[in-house]
Amino acid sequence: MRKLALLLALGALATPAIAKDSLGVYSDWAAFRDGDVANCYAIAKATNRELGVAYATVASWPKRGIRNQVHIRLSREAPSSGRVRVRVGRTGFNLIAQGRNAWAEDRQMNAAIVAALRSANSMQVRVRGFTDRYNLAGVATAMDAAVIGCSQAS
């Protein structure tokens, strides 16, 4: 029952597109394939419920040559002068933010974040005034399922 509720909640978070195919729920993460735009993604909701809805995705768009791109939807809007810092395990990165969205500065940083996700237990996204927290149980399997799901759809 918990997994079904998580699956439904995570599916609802995948805005603006609605996922077409579930690729599985892996502990705190789930994977989906959206055939209309030919993308697949792993997604998790932040664990801190007192803030607004926040989630993290790791997405692939095979037709665009994009694999495992990290995107963070913040629980609140980042101040224009505010710094967004993600800490994955013991490794930290400064992200580029616009409104409630944050991304890695470049492909190298993105790859480093994905590598850190595979070996850490938790992730915190800090912005002046608030922190969004994530459990990383299942993230590696969900990312792999998303990549495989899109490779099978191509």
Protein backbone atom coordinates (compact mmCIF):
# COMPACT_ATOMS: atom_id res chain seq x y z
CA MET A 1 0.00 0.00 0.00
CA ARG A 2 2.85 2.42 0.88
CA LYS A 3 4.50 1.79 -2.49
CA LEU A 4 1.23 2.39 -4.36
CA ALA A 5 0.72 5.69 -2.51
CA LEU A 6 4.33 6.69 -3.24
CA LEU A 7 3.91 5.76 -6.91
CA LEU A 8 0.74 7.83 -7.23
CA ALA A 9 2.27 10.80 -5.41
CA LEU A 10 5.45 10.74 -7.47
CA GLY A 11 3.50 10.42 -10.69
CA ALA A 12 1.52 13.51 -9.77
CA LEU A 13 4.76 15.44 -9.22
CA ALA A 14 6.04 14.90 -12.74
CA THR A 15 4.80 18.24 -14.01
CA PRO A 16 4.02 19.44 -16.56
CA ALA A 17 3.91 16.09 -18.35
CA ILE A 18 2.07 13.12 -16.88
CA ALA A 19 4.05 9.90 -16.98
CA LYS A 20 2.72 7.33 -19.39
CA ASP A 21 4.51 4.22 -18.13
CA SER A 22 5.71 3.30 -14.68
CA LEU A 23 9.09 1.58 -14.78
CA GLY A 24 8.99 0.71 -11.09
CA VAL A 25 9.20 1.91 -7.51
CA TYR A 26 12.54 1.36 -5.80
CA SER A 27 12.32 2.22 -2.12
CA ASP A 28 12.15 6.05 -1.95
CA TRP A 29 12.54 6.57 -5.72
CA ALA A 30 10.42 5.68 -8.76
CA ALA A 31 11.12 5.57 -12.50
CA PHE A 32 8.82 6.56 -15.36
CA ARG A 33 8.85 6.72 -19.17
CA ASP A 34 6.90 9.40 -21.02
CA GLY A 35 6.52 8.22 -24.61
CA ASP A 36 5.04 11.49 -25.90
CA VAL A 37 8.30 13.36 -25.39
CA ALA A 38 10.58 10.29 -25.38
CA ASN A 39 12.07 10.85 -21.96
CA CYS A 40 12.56 8.72 -18.86
CA TYR A 41 13.30 9.81 -15.34
CA ALA A 42 13.90 8.76 -11.77
CA ILE A 43 12.05 10.90 -9.24
CA ALA A 44 11.71 11.32 -5.48
CA LYS A 45 9.79 13.67 -3.26
CA ALA A 46 11.58 15.57 -0.49
CA THR A 47 11.06 14.09 2.95
CA ASN A 48 10.39 17.39 4.75
CA ARG A 49 6.62 17.76 4.53
CA GLU A 50 6.34 21.11 6.35
CA LEU A 51 7.58 22.97 3.30
CA GLY A 52 6.00 23.15 -0.15
CA VAL A 53 6.24 20.23 -2.57
CA ALA A 54 9.82 19.58 -3.62
CA TYR A 55 11.27 16.80 -5.73
CA ALA A 56 14.44 15.69 -7.44
CA THR A 57 14.63 14.09 -10.87
CA VAL A 58 17.37 12.46 -12.90
CA ALA A 59 16.14 12.41 -16.51
CA SER A 60 17.24 11.13 -19.90
CA TRP A 61 16.16 12.26 -23.38
CA PRO A 62 17.83 9.78 -25.78
CA LYS A 63 16.82 11.63 -28.95
CA ARG A 64 18.53 14.77 -27.62
CA GLY A 65 21.63 12.88 -26.46
CA ILE A 66 20.93 13.75 -22.81
CA ARG A 67 21.45 11.09 -20.15
CA ASN A 68 21.02 11.40 -16.37
CA GLN A 69 20.43 15.15 -16.10
CA VAL A 70 19.77 16.25 -12.51
CA HIS A 71 16.93 18.70 -11.82
CA ILE A 72 15.76 19.89 -8.41
CA ARG A 73 12.34 21.44 -7.88
CA LEU A 74 12.73 23.48 -4.69
CA SER A 75 10.03 23.64 -2.02
CA ARG A 76 10.18 27.43 -2.18
CA GLU A 77 11.51 29.98 -4.61
CA ALA A 78 15.21 30.69 -4.28
CA PRO A 79 16.08 34.34 -3.61
CA SER A 80 17.62 35.93 -6.70
CA SER A 81 20.81 36.56 -4.74
CA GLY A 82 20.58 33.25 -2.90
CA ARG A 83 22.95 30.35 -3.34
CA VAL A 84 21.61 26.84 -3.85
CA ARG A 85 23.90 24.18 -2.47
CA VAL A 86 23.31 20.45 -2.78
CA ARG A 87 25.10 18.05 -0.48
CA VAL A 88 25.09 14.42 -1.54
CA GLY A 89 26.62 12.40 1.26
CA ARG A 90 29.85 14.28 2.05
CA THR A 91 30.18 15.95 -1.34
CA GLY A 92 28.78 19.43 -2.02
CA PHE A 93 27.96 21.33 -5.20
CA ASN A 94 26.72 24.85 -5.99
CA LEU A 95 23.75 24.77 -8.35
CA ILE A 96 22.33 27.26 -10.80
CA ALA A 97 18.83 28.30 -9.72
CA GLN A 98 15.96 30.11 -11.31
CA GLY A 99 12.80 30.48 -9.28
CA ARG A 100 12.02 27.05 -7.81
CA ASN A 101 14.29 25.14 -10.22
CA ALA A 102 17.97 24.23 -9.83
CA TRP A 103 20.48 22.40 -12.06
CA ALA A 104 24.17 21.59 -12.24
CA GLU A 105 26.42 24.26 -13.78
CA ASP A 106 27.72 21.95 -16.54
CA ARG A 107 27.94 18.33 -17.72
CA GLN A 108 30.95 17.56 -15.54
CA MET A 109 29.20 18.73 -12.38
CA ASN A 110 26.05 16.85 -13.41
CA ALA A 111 28.08 13.64 -13.84
CA ALA A 112 29.72 14.18 -10.44
CA ILE A 113 26.32 14.63 -8.76
CA VAL A 114 25.00 11.44 -10.40
CA ALA A 115 28.10 9.53 -9.25
CA ALA A 116 27.66 10.88 -5.71
CA LEU A 117 23.97 9.88 -5.72
CA ARG A 118 24.97 6.27 -6.39
CA SER A 119 27.09 6.02 -3.24
CA ALA A 120 25.34 8.23 -0.67
CA ASN A 121 22.41 7.67 1.69
CA SER A 122 21.00 11.19 1.76
CA MET A 123 20.88 14.49 -0.08
CA GLN A 124 20.17 17.98 1.23
CA VAL A 125 19.42 20.98 -0.96
CA ARG A 126 20.11 24.18 0.97
CA VAL A 127 18.91 27.64 0.11
CA ARG A 128 19.02 30.61 2.43
CA GLY A 129 16.15 30.06 4.83
CA PHE A 130 15.27 26.42 4.08
CA THR A 131 16.62 22.93 3.34
CA ASP A 132 14.94 20.18 1.29
CA ARG A 133 15.98 16.67 2.32
CA TYR A 134 15.94 13.40 0.35
CA ASN A 135 16.51 9.75 1.16
CA LEU A 136 18.57 8.09 -1.55
CA ALA A 137 17.44 4.50 -0.97
CA GLY A 138 16.66 3.13 -4.45
CA VAL A 139 18.07 6.05 -6.44
CA ALA A 140 20.69 4.02 -8.33
CA THR A 141 18.17 1.36 -9.37
CA ALA A 142 15.60 4.01 -10.37
CA MET A 143 18.20 5.88 -12.47
CA ASP A 144 19.22 2.63 -14.17
CA ALA A 145 15.59 1.68 -14.81
CA ALA A 146 14.98 5.08 -16.44
CA VAL A 147 18.00 4.76 -18.75
CA ILE A 148 17.06 1.19 -19.71
CA GLY A 149 13.41 2.15 -20.14
CA CYS A 150 14.30 4.80 -22.70
CA SER A 151 16.81 2.60 -24.51
CA GLN A 152 14.10 -0.05 -24.98
CA ALA A 153 11.64 2.57 -26.26
CA SER A 154 14.01 3.90 -28.93
